[in-house]
């Protein structure tokens, strides 16, 4: 297994400590296998750090705030890279998570059931 650079580990740790309200809200529903699979917070994948990842299902979940309106090109490149490496990417807006958590969880559950666990990205 390839070791992560210390700065990546430190940055992931910092992001976990500084989660947004939407990320905290979703994490309360994803943690401890509440959906039947394990999720990780701020999980490194290549040069990216995923908001949430279910490695077994190769499912990446990104929670986007208003700043992502101006970052669509970067977000699209990121999503394409992840897809090219076997990940399925789900993106939700902060307000979706905060105002419709049950709907968000339904989409995530459906994706978990559809994912092919054979397409898991090897550890970075």
PDB file of N, CA and C in Angstrom:
ATOM      1  N   UNK A   1       0.843  -1.168   0.000  1.00  0.00           N
ATOM      2  CA  UNK A   1       0.000   0.000   0.000  1.00  0.00           C
ATOM      3  C   UNK A   1       0.894   1.239   0.000  1.00  0.00           C
ATOM      4  N   UNK A   2       0.556   2.190  -0.865  1.00  0.00           N
ATOM      5  CA  UNK A   2       1.308   3.427  -0.973  1.00  0.00           C
ATOM      6  C   UNK A   2       0.956   4.360   0.183  1.00  0.00           C
ATOM      7  N   UNK A   3       1.966   4.982   0.770  1.00  0.00           N
ATOM      8  CA  UNK A   3       1.748   5.893   1.895  1.00  0.00           C
ATOM      9  C   UNK A   3       1.407   7.280   1.387  1.00  0.00           C
ATOM     10  N   UNK A   4       0.502   7.946   2.071  1.00  0.00           N
ATOM     11  CA  UNK A   4       0.139   9.325   1.736  1.00  0.00           C
ATOM     12  C   UNK A   4       1.185  10.279   2.277  1.00  0.00           C
ATOM     13  N   UNK A   5       1.451  11.351   1.521  1.00  0.00           N
ATOM     14  CA  UNK A   5       2.350  12.370   2.063  1.00  0.00           C
ATOM     15  C   UNK A   5       1.758  12.962   3.336  1.00  0.00           C
ATOM     16  N   UNK A   6       2.623  13.364   4.255  1.00  0.00           N
ATOM     17  CA  UNK A   6       2.163  13.895   5.536  1.00  0.00           C
ATOM     18  C   UNK A   6       1.254  15.103   5.349  1.00  0.00           C
ATOM     19  N   UNK A   7       1.561  15.972   4.358  1.00  0.00           N
ATOM     20  CA  UNK A   7       0.729  17.161   4.169  1.00  0.00           C
ATOM     21  C   UNK A   7      -0.690  16.787   3.746  1.00  0.00           C
ATOM     22  N   UNK A   8      -0.854  15.683   2.999  1.00  0.00           N
ATOM     23  CA  UNK A   8      -2.200  15.223   2.615  1.00  0.00           C
ATOM     24  C   UNK A   8      -2.948  14.733   3.841  1.00  0.00           C
ATOM     25  N   UNK A   9      -2.272  13.967   4.675  1.00  0.00           N
ATOM     26  CA  UNK A   9      -2.897  13.495   5.911  1.00  0.00           C
ATOM     27  C   UNK A   9      -3.289  14.672   6.797  1.00  0.00           C
ATOM     28  N   UNK A  10      -2.391  15.635   6.921  1.00  0.00           N
ATOM     29  CA  UNK A  10      -2.673  16.796   7.770  1.00  0.00           C
ATOM     30  C   UNK A  10      -3.844  17.604   7.217  1.00  0.00           C
ATOM     31  N   UNK A  11      -3.895  17.780   5.891  1.00  0.00           N
ATOM     32  CA  UNK A  11      -4.975  18.547   5.285  1.00  0.00           C
ATOM     33  C   UNK A  11      -6.305  17.820   5.451  1.00  0.00           C
ATOM     34  N   UNK A  12      -6.317  16.503   5.268  1.00  0.00           N
ATOM     35  CA  UNK A  12      -7.537  15.710   5.482  1.00  0.00           C
ATOM     36  C   UNK A  12      -8.018  15.853   6.918  1.00  0.00           C
ATOM     37  N   UNK A  13      -7.081  15.788   7.842  1.00  0.00           N
ATOM     38  CA  UNK A  13      -7.414  15.928   9.265  1.00  0.00           C
ATOM     39  C   UNK A  13      -7.998  17.319   9.532  1.00  0.00           C
ATOM     40  N   UNK A  14      -7.402  18.348   8.934  1.00  0.00           N
ATOM     41  CA  UNK A  14      -7.898  19.718   9.105  1.00  0.00           C
ATOM     42  C   UNK A  14      -9.311  19.856   8.545  1.00  0.00           C
ATOM     43  N   UNK A  15      -9.560  19.278   7.358  1.00  0.00           N
ATOM     44  CA  UNK A  15     -10.890  19.347   6.758  1.00  0.00           C
ATOM     45  C   UNK A  15     -11.935  18.638   7.618  1.00  0.00           C
ATOM     46  N   UNK A  16     -11.558  17.526   8.227  1.00  0.00           N
ATOM     47  CA  UNK A  16     -12.492  16.827   9.115  1.00  0.00           C
ATOM     48  C   UNK A  16     -12.845  17.687  10.320  1.00  0.00           C
ATOM     49  N   UNK A  17     -11.878  18.452  10.803  1.00  0.00           N
ATOM     50  CA  UNK A  17     -12.113  19.307  11.965  1.00  0.00           C
ATOM     51  C   UNK A  17     -12.934  20.547  11.611  1.00  0.00           C
ATOM     52  N   UNK A  18     -12.941  20.947  10.330  1.00  0.00           N
ATOM     53  CA  UNK A  18     -13.605  22.179   9.903  1.00  0.00           C
ATOM     54  C   UNK A  18     -14.763  21.906   8.941  1.00  0.00           C
ATOM     55  N   UNK A  19     -15.512  20.852   9.191  1.00  0.00           N
ATOM     56  CA  UNK A  19     -16.609  20.501   8.289  1.00  0.00           C
ATOM     57  C   UNK A  19     -17.683  21.587   8.301  1.00  0.00           C
ATOM     58  N   UNK A  20     -18.336  21.758   7.148  1.00  0.00           N
ATOM     59  CA  UNK A  20     -19.443  22.698   7.043  1.00  0.00           C
ATOM     60  C   UNK A  20     -20.660  22.122   7.763  1.00  0.00           C
ATOM     61  N   UNK A  21     -21.658  22.970   7.988  1.00  0.00           N
ATOM     62  CA  UNK A  21     -22.889  22.489   8.622  1.00  0.00           C
ATOM     63  C   UNK A  21     -23.528  21.366   7.815  1.00  0.00           C
ATOM     64  N   UNK A  22     -23.537  21.510   6.488  1.00  0.00           N
ATOM     65  CA  UNK A  22     -24.128  20.472   5.637  1.00  0.00           C
ATOM     66  C   UNK A  22     -23.341  19.167   5.742  1.00  0.00           C
ATOM     67  N   UNK A  23     -22.009  19.259   5.752  1.00  0.00           N
ATOM     68  CA  UNK A  23     -21.191  18.054   5.888  1.00  0.00           C
ATOM     69  C   UNK A  23     -21.436  17.385   7.246  1.00  0.00           C
ATOM     70  N   UNK A  24     -21.520  18.172   8.306  1.00  0.00           N
ATOM     71  CA  UNK A  24     -21.800  17.611   9.635  1.00  0.00           C
ATOM     72  C   UNK A  24     -23.155  16.913   9.654  1.00  0.00           C
ATOM     73  N   UNK A  25     -24.141  17.561   9.035  1.00  0.00           N
ATOM     74  CA  UNK A  25     -25.504  17.014   9.004  1.00  0.00           C
ATOM     75  C   UNK A  25     -25.532  15.664   8.282  1.00  0.00           C
ATOM     76  N   UNK A  26     -24.881  15.603   7.130  1.00  0.00           N
ATOM     77  CA  UNK A  26     -24.853  14.340   6.381  1.00  0.00           C
ATOM     78  C   UNK A  26     -24.021  13.295   7.113  1.00  0.00           C
ATOM     79  N   UNK A  27     -22.895  13.691   7.688  1.00  0.00           N
ATOM     80  CA  UNK A  27     -22.042  12.736   8.380  1.00  0.00           C
ATOM     81  C   UNK A  27     -22.786  12.049   9.517  1.00  0.00           C
ATOM     82  N   UNK A  28     -23.664  12.757  10.198  1.00  0.00           N
ATOM     83  CA  UNK A  28     -24.440  12.147  11.277  1.00  0.00           C
ATOM     84  C   UNK A  28     -25.300  10.998  10.774  1.00  0.00           C
ATOM     85  N   UNK A  29     -25.642  11.009   9.500  1.00  0.00           N
ATOM     86  CA  UNK A  29     -26.492   9.965   8.911  1.00  0.00           C
ATOM     87  C   UNK A  29     -25.688   8.885   8.178  1.00  0.00           C
ATOM     88  N   UNK A  30     -24.419   9.165   7.876  1.00  0.00           N
ATOM     89  CA  UNK A  30     -23.588   8.199   7.155  1.00  0.00           C
ATOM     90  C   UNK A  30     -22.696   7.378   8.081  1.00  0.00           C
ATOM     91  N   UNK A  31     -22.333   7.954   9.202  1.00  0.00           N
ATOM     92  CA  UNK A  31     -21.337   7.331  10.068  1.00  0.00           C
ATOM     93  C   UNK A  31     -21.843   6.029  10.677  1.00  0.00           C
ATOM     94  N   UNK A  32     -20.906   5.210  11.093  1.00  0.00           N
ATOM     95  CA  UNK A  32     -21.188   3.948  11.792  1.00  0.00           C
ATOM     96  C   UNK A  32     -22.107   3.021  10.989  1.00  0.00           C
ATOM     97  N   UNK A  33     -21.915   3.000   9.684  1.00  0.00           N
ATOM     98  CA  UNK A  33     -22.616   2.066   8.784  1.00  0.00           C
ATOM     99  C   UNK A  33     -24.139   2.147   8.882  1.00  0.00           C
ATOM    100  N   UNK A  34     -24.668   3.340   9.106  1.00  0.00           N
ATOM    101  CA  UNK A  34     -26.120   3.483   9.223  1.00  0.00           C
ATOM    102  C   UNK A  34     -26.840   3.139   7.925  1.00  0.00           C
ATOM    103  N   UNK A  35     -26.139   3.256   6.789  1.00  0.00           N
ATOM    104  CA  UNK A  35     -26.739   2.876   5.506  1.00  0.00           C
ATOM    105  C   UNK A  35     -26.287   1.482   5.068  1.00  0.00           C
ATOM    106  N   UNK A  36     -25.632   0.759   5.954  1.00  0.00           N
ATOM    107  CA  UNK A  36     -25.213  -0.604   5.660  1.00  0.00           C
ATOM    108  C   UNK A  36     -23.814  -0.722   5.087  1.00  0.00           C
ATOM    109  N   UNK A  37     -23.152   0.398   4.823  1.00  0.00           N
ATOM    110  CA  UNK A  37     -21.786   0.389   4.310  1.00  0.00           C
ATOM    111  C   UNK A  37     -20.972   1.437   5.061  1.00  0.00           C
ATOM    112  N   UNK A  38     -19.660   1.283   5.020  1.00  0.00           N
ATOM    113  CA  UNK A  38     -18.777   2.215   5.718  1.00  0.00           C
ATOM    114  C   UNK A  38     -18.455   3.409   4.822  1.00  0.00           C
ATOM    115  N   UNK A  39     -18.592   4.596   5.376  1.00  0.00           N
ATOM    116  CA  UNK A  39     -18.181   5.830   4.708  1.00  0.00           C
ATOM    117  C   UNK A  39     -17.000   6.424   5.459  1.00  0.00           C
ATOM    118  N   UNK A  40     -16.161   7.106   4.707  1.00  0.00           N
ATOM    119  CA  UNK A  40     -15.041   7.845   5.284  1.00  0.00           C
ATOM    120  C   UNK A  40     -15.233   9.318   4.985  1.00  0.00           C
ATOM    121  N   UNK A  41     -14.784  10.162   5.897  1.00  0.00           N
ATOM    122  CA  UNK A  41     -14.823  11.616   5.692  1.00  0.00           C
ATOM    123  C   UNK A  41     -13.482  12.077   5.157  1.00  0.00           C
ATOM    124  N   UNK A  42     -13.509  13.053   4.251  1.00  0.00           N
ATOM    125  CA  UNK A  42     -12.300  13.689   3.732  1.00  0.00           C
ATOM    126  C   UNK A  42     -11.268  12.632   3.335  1.00  0.00           C
ATOM    127  N   UNK A  43     -11.678  11.761   2.438  1.00  0.00           N
ATOM    128  CA  UNK A  43     -10.868  10.623   2.004  1.00  0.00           C
ATOM    129  C   UNK A  43     -10.026  10.988   0.784  1.00  0.00           C
ATOM    130  N   UNK A  44      -8.698  10.838   0.846  1.00  0.00           N
ATOM    131  CA  UNK A  44      -7.850  11.131  -0.310  1.00  0.00           C
ATOM    132  C   UNK A  44      -8.072  10.122  -1.437  1.00  0.00           C
ATOM    133  N   UNK A  45      -8.143  10.659  -2.660  1.00  0.00           N
ATOM    134  CA  UNK A  45      -8.231   9.834  -3.872  1.00  0.00           C
ATOM    135  C   UNK A  45      -7.391  10.542  -4.928  1.00  0.00           C
ATOM    136  N   UNK A  46      -6.224  10.000  -5.200  1.00  0.00           N
ATOM    137  CA  UNK A  46      -5.325  10.686  -6.113  1.00  0.00           C
ATOM    138  C   UNK A  46      -4.931  12.020  -5.519  1.00  0.00           C
ATOM    139  N   UNK A  47      -5.046  13.084  -6.321  1.00  0.00           N
ATOM    140  CA  UNK A  47      -4.693  14.416  -5.816  1.00  0.00           C
ATOM    141  C   UNK A  47      -5.885  15.140  -5.179  1.00  0.00           C
ATOM    142  N   UNK A  48      -7.013  14.444  -5.082  1.00  0.00           N
ATOM    143  CA  UNK A  48      -8.230  15.040  -4.548  1.00  0.00           C
ATOM    144  C   UNK A  48      -8.533  14.498  -3.152  1.00  0.00           C
ATOM    145  N   UNK A  49      -9.325  15.254  -2.422  1.00  0.00           N
ATOM    146  CA  UNK A  49      -9.840  14.786  -1.139  1.00  0.00           C
ATOM    147  C   UNK A  49     -11.355  14.833  -1.245  1.00  0.00           C
ATOM    148  N   UNK A  50     -11.968  13.670  -1.115  1.00  0.00           N
ATOM    149  CA  UNK A  50     -13.413  13.535  -1.266  1.00  0.00           C
ATOM    150  C   UNK A  50     -14.106  13.911   0.041  1.00  0.00           C
ATOM    151  N   UNK A  51     -15.225  14.606  -0.045  1.00  0.00           N
ATOM    152  CA  UNK A  51     -15.973  14.935   1.166  1.00  0.00           C
ATOM    153  C   UNK A  51     -16.341  13.656   1.910  1.00  0.00           C
ATOM    154  N   UNK A  52     -16.939  12.703   1.190  1.00  0.00           N
ATOM    155  CA  UNK A  52     -17.296  11.406   1.768  1.00  0.00           C
ATOM    156  C   UNK A  52     -17.024  10.336   0.721  1.00  0.00           C
ATOM    157  N   UNK A  53     -16.585   9.178   1.178  1.00  0.00           N
ATOM    158  CA  UNK A  53     -16.311   8.084   0.259  1.00  0.00           C
ATOM    159  C   UNK A  53     -16.724   6.759   0.874  1.00  0.00           C
ATOM    160  N   UNK A  54     -17.384   5.952   0.062  1.00  0.00           N
ATOM    161  CA  UNK A  54     -17.627   4.557   0.402  1.00  0.00           C
ATOM    162  C   UNK A  54     -16.716   3.763  -0.525  1.00  0.00           C
ATOM    163  N   UNK A  55     -15.586   3.339   0.004  1.00  0.00           N
ATOM    164  CA  UNK A  55     -14.584   2.667  -0.816  1.00  0.00           C
ATOM    165  C   UNK A  55     -15.131   1.355  -1.375  1.00  0.00           C
ATOM    166  N   UNK A  56     -15.871   0.600  -0.571  1.00  0.00           N
ATOM    167  CA  UNK A  56     -16.402  -0.695  -1.020  1.00  0.00           C
ATOM    168  C   UNK A  56     -17.312  -0.558  -2.236  1.00  0.00           C
ATOM    169  N   UNK A  57     -18.068   0.522  -2.309  1.00  0.00           N
ATOM    170  CA  UNK A  57     -18.969   0.748  -3.442  1.00  0.00           C
ATOM    171  C   UNK A  57     -18.377   1.718  -4.469  1.00  0.00           C
ATOM    172  N   UNK A  58     -17.153   2.194  -4.232  1.00  0.00           N
ATOM    173  CA  UNK A  58     -16.505   3.183  -5.098  1.00  0.00           C
ATOM    174  C   UNK A  58     -17.439   4.372  -5.344  1.00  0.00           C
ATOM    175  N   UNK A  59     -17.998   4.873  -4.248  1.00  0.00           N
ATOM    176  CA  UNK A  59     -18.961   5.968  -4.316  1.00  0.00           C
ATOM    177  C   UNK A  59     -18.386   7.187  -3.610  1.00  0.00           C
ATOM    178  N   UNK A  60     -18.274   8.294  -4.351  1.00  0.00           N
ATOM    179  CA  UNK A  60     -17.799   9.561  -3.808  1.00  0.00           C
ATOM    180  C   UNK A  60     -18.988  10.503  -3.686  1.00  0.00           C
ATOM    181  N   UNK A  61     -19.074  11.179  -2.547  1.00  0.00           N
ATOM    182  CA  UNK A  61     -20.143  12.150  -2.329  1.00  0.00           C
ATOM    183  C   UNK A  61     -19.503  13.498  -2.066  1.00  0.00           C
ATOM    184  N   UNK A  62     -19.897  14.476  -2.862  1.00  0.00           N
ATOM    185  CA  UNK A  62     -19.386  15.837  -2.733  1.00  0.00           C
ATOM    186  C   UNK A  62     -20.530  16.755  -2.338  1.00  0.00           C
ATOM    187  N   UNK A  63     -20.294  17.599  -1.353  1.00  0.00           N
ATOM    188  CA  UNK A  63     -21.275  18.569  -0.892  1.00  0.00           C
ATOM    189  C   UNK A  63     -20.764  19.940  -1.328  1.00  0.00           C
ATOM    190  N   UNK A  64     -21.550  20.619  -2.153  1.00  0.00           N
ATOM    191  CA  UNK A  64     -21.115  21.875  -2.753  1.00  0.00           C
ATOM    192  C   UNK A  64     -21.846  23.068  -2.170  1.00  0.00           C
ATOM    193  N   UNK A  65     -21.085  24.090  -1.857  1.00  0.00           N
ATOM    194  CA  UNK A  65     -21.653  25.365  -1.414  1.00  0.00           C
ATOM    195  C   UNK A  65     -21.690  26.331  -2.582  1.00  0.00           C
ATOM    196  N   UNK A  66     -22.050  27.565  -2.308  1.00  0.00           N
ATOM    197  CA  UNK A  66     -22.192  28.580  -3.339  1.00  0.00           C
ATOM    198  C   UNK A  66     -20.929  28.835  -4.136  1.00  0.00           C
ATOM    199  N   UNK A  67     -19.752  28.634  -3.538  1.00  0.00           N
ATOM    200  CA  UNK A  67     -18.503  28.876  -4.256  1.00  0.00           C
ATOM    201  C   UNK A  67     -18.340  27.954  -5.452  1.00  0.00           C
ATOM    202  N   UNK A  68     -19.066  26.860  -5.474  1.00  0.00           N
ATOM    203  CA  UNK A  68     -18.937  25.910  -6.582  1.00  0.00           C
ATOM    204  C   UNK A  68     -19.618  26.400  -7.858  1.00  0.00           C
ATOM    205  N   UNK A  69     -20.440  27.434  -7.764  1.00  0.00           N
ATOM    206  CA  UNK A  69     -20.999  28.037  -8.974  1.00  0.00           C
ATOM    207  C   UNK A  69     -19.886  28.558  -9.862  1.00  0.00           C
ATOM    208  N   UNK A  70     -18.814  29.071  -9.244  1.00  0.00           N
ATOM    209  CA  UNK A  70     -17.691  29.611  -9.996  1.00  0.00           C
ATOM    210  C   UNK A  70     -16.625  28.570 -10.277  1.00  0.00           C
ATOM    211  N   UNK A  71     -16.790  27.351  -9.795  1.00  0.00           N
ATOM    212  CA  UNK A  71     -15.776  26.316  -9.933  1.00  0.00           C
ATOM    213  C   UNK A  71     -16.254  25.152 -10.784  1.00  0.00           C
ATOM    214  N   UNK A  72     -17.199  25.385 -11.665  1.00  0.00           N
ATOM    215  CA  UNK A  72     -17.792  24.277 -12.414  1.00  0.00           C
ATOM    216  C   UNK A  72     -16.780  23.542 -13.280  1.00  0.00           C
ATOM    217  N   UNK A  73     -15.849  24.255 -13.896  1.00  0.00           N
ATOM    218  CA  UNK A  73     -14.847  23.597 -14.744  1.00  0.00           C
ATOM    219  C   UNK A  73     -13.977  22.682 -13.894  1.00  0.00           C
ATOM    220  N   UNK A  74     -13.493  23.194 -12.757  1.00  0.00           N
ATOM    221  CA  UNK A  74     -12.661  22.377 -11.867  1.00  0.00           C
ATOM    222  C   UNK A  74     -13.445  21.184 -11.320  1.00  0.00           C
ATOM    223  N   UNK A  75     -14.691  21.421 -10.928  1.00  0.00           N
ATOM    224  CA  UNK A  75     -15.525  20.329 -10.418  1.00  0.00           C
ATOM    225  C   UNK A  75     -15.750  19.264 -11.483  1.00  0.00           C
ATOM    226  N   UNK A  76     -15.973  19.686 -12.733  1.00  0.00           N
ATOM    227  CA  UNK A  76     -16.168  18.727 -13.820  1.00  0.00           C
ATOM    228  C   UNK A  76     -14.905  17.922 -14.078  1.00  0.00           C
ATOM    229  N   UNK A  77     -13.741  18.577 -14.055  1.00  0.00           N
ATOM    230  CA  UNK A  77     -12.475  17.854 -14.236  1.00  0.00           C
ATOM    231  C   UNK A  77     -12.259  16.845 -13.113  1.00  0.00           C
ATOM    232  N   UNK A  78     -12.552  17.261 -11.912  1.00  0.00           N
ATOM    233  CA  UNK A  78     -12.433  16.376 -10.748  1.00  0.00           C
ATOM    234  C   UNK A  78     -13.351  15.170 -10.894  1.00  0.00           C
ATOM    235  N   UNK A  79     -14.620  15.415 -11.246  1.00  0.00           N
ATOM    236  CA  UNK A  79     -15.581  14.317 -11.416  1.00  0.00           C
ATOM    237  C   UNK A  79     -15.152  13.377 -12.532  1.00  0.00           C
ATOM    238  N   UNK A  80     -14.646  13.917 -13.624  1.00  0.00           N
ATOM    239  CA  UNK A  80     -14.193  13.071 -14.741  1.00  0.00           C
ATOM    240  C   UNK A  80     -13.012  12.213 -14.320  1.00  0.00           C
ATOM    241  N   UNK A  81     -12.054  12.790 -13.597  1.00  0.00           N
ATOM    242  CA  UNK A  81     -10.911  12.013 -13.131  1.00  0.00           C
ATOM    243  C   UNK A  81     -11.385  10.871 -12.237  1.00  0.00           C
ATOM    244  N   UNK A  82     -12.272  11.190 -11.310  1.00  0.00           N
ATOM    245  CA  UNK A  82     -12.783  10.160 -10.410  1.00  0.00           C
ATOM    246  C   UNK A  82     -13.507   9.060 -11.175  1.00  0.00           C
ATOM    247  N   UNK A  83     -14.346   9.444 -12.132  1.00  0.00           N
ATOM    248  CA  UNK A  83     -15.061   8.447 -12.946  1.00  0.00           C
ATOM    249  C   UNK A  83     -14.080   7.584 -13.723  1.00  0.00           C
ATOM    250  N   UNK A  84     -13.030   8.204 -14.276  1.00  0.00           N
ATOM    251  CA  UNK A  84     -12.020   7.454 -15.017  1.00  0.00           C
ATOM    252  C   UNK A  84     -11.289   6.454 -14.133  1.00  0.00           C
ATOM    253  N   UNK A  85     -11.304   6.682 -12.837  1.00  0.00           N
ATOM    254  CA  UNK A  85     -10.640   5.792 -11.893  1.00  0.00           C
ATOM    255  C   UNK A  85     -11.623   4.921 -11.111  1.00  0.00           C
ATOM    256  N   UNK A  86     -12.834   4.764 -11.650  1.00  0.00           N
ATOM    257  CA  UNK A  86     -13.765   3.789 -11.109  1.00  0.00           C
ATOM    258  C   UNK A  86     -14.747   4.290 -10.077  1.00  0.00           C
ATOM    259  N   UNK A  87     -14.737   5.577  -9.767  1.00  0.00           N
ATOM    260  CA  UNK A  87     -15.655   6.121  -8.774  1.00  0.00           C
ATOM    261  C   UNK A  87     -16.945   6.587  -9.423  1.00  0.00           C
ATOM    262  N   UNK A  88     -18.031   6.418  -8.717  1.00  0.00           N
ATOM    263  CA  UNK A  88     -19.289   7.070  -9.075  1.00  0.00           C
ATOM    264  C   UNK A  88     -19.382   8.301  -8.186  1.00  0.00           C
ATOM    265  N   UNK A  89     -19.698   9.444  -8.778  1.00  0.00           N
ATOM    266  CA  UNK A  89     -19.699  10.700  -8.030  1.00  0.00           C
ATOM    267  C   UNK A  89     -21.123  11.229  -7.892  1.00  0.00           C
ATOM    268  N   UNK A  90     -21.514  11.512  -6.662  1.00  0.00           N
ATOM    269  CA  UNK A  90     -22.786  12.180  -6.382  1.00  0.00           C
ATOM    270  C   UNK A  90     -22.465  13.564  -5.833  1.00  0.00           C
ATOM    271  N   UNK A  91     -23.157  14.573  -6.362  1.00  0.00           N
ATOM    272  CA  UNK A  91     -22.974  15.947  -5.878  1.00  0.00           C
ATOM    273  C   UNK A  91     -24.308  16.465  -5.365  1.00  0.00           C
ATOM    274  N   UNK A  92     -24.244  17.073  -4.193  1.00  0.00           N
ATOM    275  CA  UNK A  92     -25.423  17.691  -3.601  1.00  0.00           C
ATOM    276  C   UNK A  92     -25.057  19.109  -3.175  1.00  0.00           C
ATOM    277  N   UNK A  93     -26.019  20.002  -3.246  1.00  0.00           N
ATOM    278  CA  UNK A  93     -25.839  21.356  -2.741  1.00  0.00           C
ATOM    279  C   UNK A  93     -26.047  21.347  -1.240  1.00  0.00           C
ATOM    280  N   UNK A  94     -25.372  22.270  -0.553  1.00  0.00           N
ATOM    281  CA  UNK A  94     -25.543  22.402   0.902  1.00  0.00           C
ATOM    282  C   UNK A  94     -27.015  22.448   1.283  1.00  0.00           C
ATOM    283  N   UNK A  95     -27.799  23.293   0.583  1.00  0.00           N
ATOM    284  CA  UNK A  95     -29.211  23.445   0.954  1.00  0.00           C
ATOM    285  C   UNK A  95     -30.000  22.156   0.756  1.00  0.00           C
ATOM    286  N   UNK A  96     -29.609  21.310  -0.202  1.00  0.00           N
ATOM    287  CA  UNK A  96     -30.284  20.010  -0.370  1.00  0.00           C
ATOM    288  C   UNK A  96     -30.093  19.152   0.869  1.00  0.00           C
ATOM    289  N   UNK A  97     -28.857  19.119   1.357  1.00  0.00           N
ATOM    290  CA  UNK A  97     -28.541  18.300   2.530  1.00  0.00           C
ATOM    291  C   UNK A  97     -29.264  18.831   3.761  1.00  0.00           C
ATOM    292  N   UNK A  98     -29.255  20.145   3.916  1.00  0.00           N
ATOM    293  CA  UNK A  98     -29.847  20.744   5.117  1.00  0.00           C
ATOM    294  C   UNK A  98     -31.369  20.730   5.103  1.00  0.00           C
ATOM    295  N   UNK A  99     -31.982  20.806   3.915  1.00  0.00           N
ATOM    296  CA  UNK A  99     -33.437  20.919   3.833  1.00  0.00           C
ATOM    297  C   UNK A  99     -34.140  19.638   3.409  1.00  0.00           C
ATOM    298  N   UNK A 100     -33.389  18.685   2.845  1.00  0.00           N
ATOM    299  CA  UNK A 100     -34.025  17.463   2.346  1.00  0.00           C
ATOM    300  C   UNK A 100     -33.108  16.261   2.564  1.00  0.00           C
ATOM    301  N   UNK A 101     -32.687  16.058   3.792  1.00  0.00           N
ATOM    302  CA  UNK A 101     -31.744  14.978   4.088  1.00  0.00           C
ATOM    303  C   UNK A 101     -32.308  13.613   3.704  1.00  0.00           C
ATOM    304  N   UNK A 102     -33.583  13.389   3.882  1.00  0.00           N
ATOM    305  CA  UNK A 102     -34.168  12.082   3.534  1.00  0.00           C
ATOM    306  C   UNK A 102     -34.085  11.823   2.033  1.00  0.00           C
ATOM    307  N   UNK A 103     -34.330  12.846   1.231  1.00  0.00           N
ATOM    308  CA  UNK A 103     -34.207  12.704  -0.225  1.00  0.00           C
ATOM    309  C   UNK A 103     -32.773  12.431  -0.638  1.00  0.00           C
ATOM    310  N   UNK A 104     -31.832  13.120   0.000  1.00  0.00           N
ATOM    311  CA  UNK A 104     -30.410  12.902  -0.275  1.00  0.00           C
ATOM    312  C   UNK A 104     -30.024  11.469   0.080  1.00  0.00           C
ATOM    313  N   UNK A 105     -30.469  11.004   1.228  1.00  0.00           N
ATOM    314  CA  UNK A 105     -30.152   9.634   1.653  1.00  0.00           C
ATOM    315  C   UNK A 105     -30.742   8.598   0.707  1.00  0.00           C
ATOM    316  N   UNK A 106     -31.931   8.863   0.166  1.00  0.00           N
ATOM    317  CA  UNK A 106     -32.544   7.943  -0.801  1.00  0.00           C
ATOM    318  C   UNK A 106     -31.677   7.821  -2.046  1.00  0.00           C
ATOM    319  N   UNK A 107     -31.166   8.948  -2.539  1.00  0.00           N
ATOM    320  CA  UNK A 107     -30.294   8.933  -3.724  1.00  0.00           C
ATOM    321  C   UNK A 107     -29.016   8.157  -3.417  1.00  0.00           C
ATOM    322  N   UNK A 108     -28.457   8.380  -2.238  1.00  0.00           N
ATOM    323  CA  UNK A 108     -27.233   7.674  -1.849  1.00  0.00           C
ATOM    324  C   UNK A 108     -27.490   6.174  -1.737  1.00  0.00           C
ATOM    325  N   UNK A 109     -28.579   5.792  -1.084  1.00  0.00           N
ATOM    326  CA  UNK A 109     -28.916   4.366  -0.959  1.00  0.00           C
ATOM    327  C   UNK A 109     -29.102   3.710  -2.317  1.00  0.00           C
ATOM    328  N   UNK A 110     -29.796   4.385  -3.206  1.00  0.00           N
ATOM    329  CA  UNK A 110     -29.994   3.847  -4.552  1.00  0.00           C
ATOM    330  C   UNK A 110     -28.655   3.649  -5.250  1.00  0.00           C
ATOM    331  N   UNK A 111     -27.754   4.597  -5.109  1.00  0.00           N
ATOM    332  CA  UNK A 111     -26.445   4.494  -5.744  1.00  0.00           C
ATOM    333  C   UNK A 111     -25.608   3.378  -5.146  1.00  0.00           C
ATOM    334  N   UNK A 112     -25.711   3.182  -3.839  1.00  0.00           N
ATOM    335  CA  UNK A 112     -24.985   2.083  -3.201  1.00  0.00           C
ATOM    336  C   UNK A 112     -25.419   0.755  -3.806  1.00  0.00           C
ATOM    337  N   UNK A 113     -26.720   0.596  -4.004  1.00  0.00           N
ATOM    338  CA  UNK A 113     -27.232  -0.661  -4.550  1.00  0.00           C
ATOM    339  C   UNK A 113     -26.863  -0.846  -6.019  1.00  0.00           C
ATOM    340  N   UNK A 114     -26.655   0.243  -6.734  1.00  0.00           N
ATOM    341  CA  UNK A 114     -26.312   0.169  -8.155  1.00  0.00           C
ATOM    342  C   UNK A 114     -24.819   0.003  -8.401  1.00  0.00           C
ATOM    343  N   UNK A 115     -23.991   0.394  -7.437  1.00  0.00           N
ATOM    344  CA  UNK A 115     -22.539   0.388  -7.626  1.00  0.00           C
ATOM    345  C   UNK A 115     -22.001  -1.032  -7.758  1.00  0.00           C
ATOM    346  N   UNK A 116     -21.027  -1.152  -8.628  1.00  0.00           N
ATOM    347  CA  UNK A 116     -20.322  -2.422  -8.796  1.00  0.00           C
ATOM    348  C   UNK A 116     -19.073  -2.365  -7.932  1.00  0.00           C
ATOM    349  N   UNK A 117     -19.004  -3.160  -6.891  1.00  0.00           N
ATOM    350  CA  UNK A 117     -17.879  -3.096  -5.960  1.00  0.00           C
ATOM    351  C   UNK A 117     -16.565  -3.548  -6.599  1.00  0.00           C
ATOM    352  N   UNK A 118     -16.596  -4.076  -7.811  1.00  0.00           N
ATOM    353  CA  UNK A 118     -15.371  -4.454  -8.507  1.00  0.00           C
ATOM    354  C   UNK A 118     -14.603  -3.283  -9.067  1.00  0.00           C
ATOM    355  N   UNK A 119     -15.174  -2.101  -9.061  1.00  0.00           N
ATOM    356  CA  UNK A 119     -14.514  -0.932  -9.633  1.00  0.00           C
ATOM    357  C   UNK A 119     -13.894  -0.031  -8.563  1.00  0.00           C
ATOM    358  N   UNK A 120     -13.398  -0.614  -7.507  1.00  0.00           N
ATOM    359  CA  UNK A 120     -12.862   0.176  -6.397  1.00  0.00           C
ATOM    360  C   UNK A 120     -11.495   0.725  -6.775  1.00  0.00           C
ATOM    361  N   UNK A 121     -11.284   1.996  -6.493  1.00  0.00           N
ATOM    362  CA  UNK A 121     -10.000   2.641  -6.722  1.00  0.00           C
ATOM    363  C   UNK A 121      -8.997   2.122  -5.718  1.00  0.00           C
ATOM    364  N   UNK A 122      -7.799   1.731  -6.187  1.00  0.00           N
ATOM    365  CA  UNK A 122      -6.804   1.287  -5.221  1.00  0.00           C
ATOM    366  C   UNK A 122      -6.407   2.435  -4.297  1.00  0.00           C
ATOM    367  N   UNK A 123      -5.967   2.130  -3.092  1.00  0.00           N
ATOM    368  CA  UNK A 123      -5.571   3.193  -2.171  1.00  0.00           C
ATOM    369  C   UNK A 123      -4.519   4.087  -2.808  1.00  0.00           C
ATOM    370  N   UNK A 124      -4.586   5.412  -2.539  1.00  0.00           N
ATOM    371  CA  UNK A 124      -3.596   6.328  -3.111  1.00  0.00           C
ATOM    372  C   UNK A 124      -2.211   6.076  -2.568  1.00  0.00           C
TER     373      UNK A 124
END
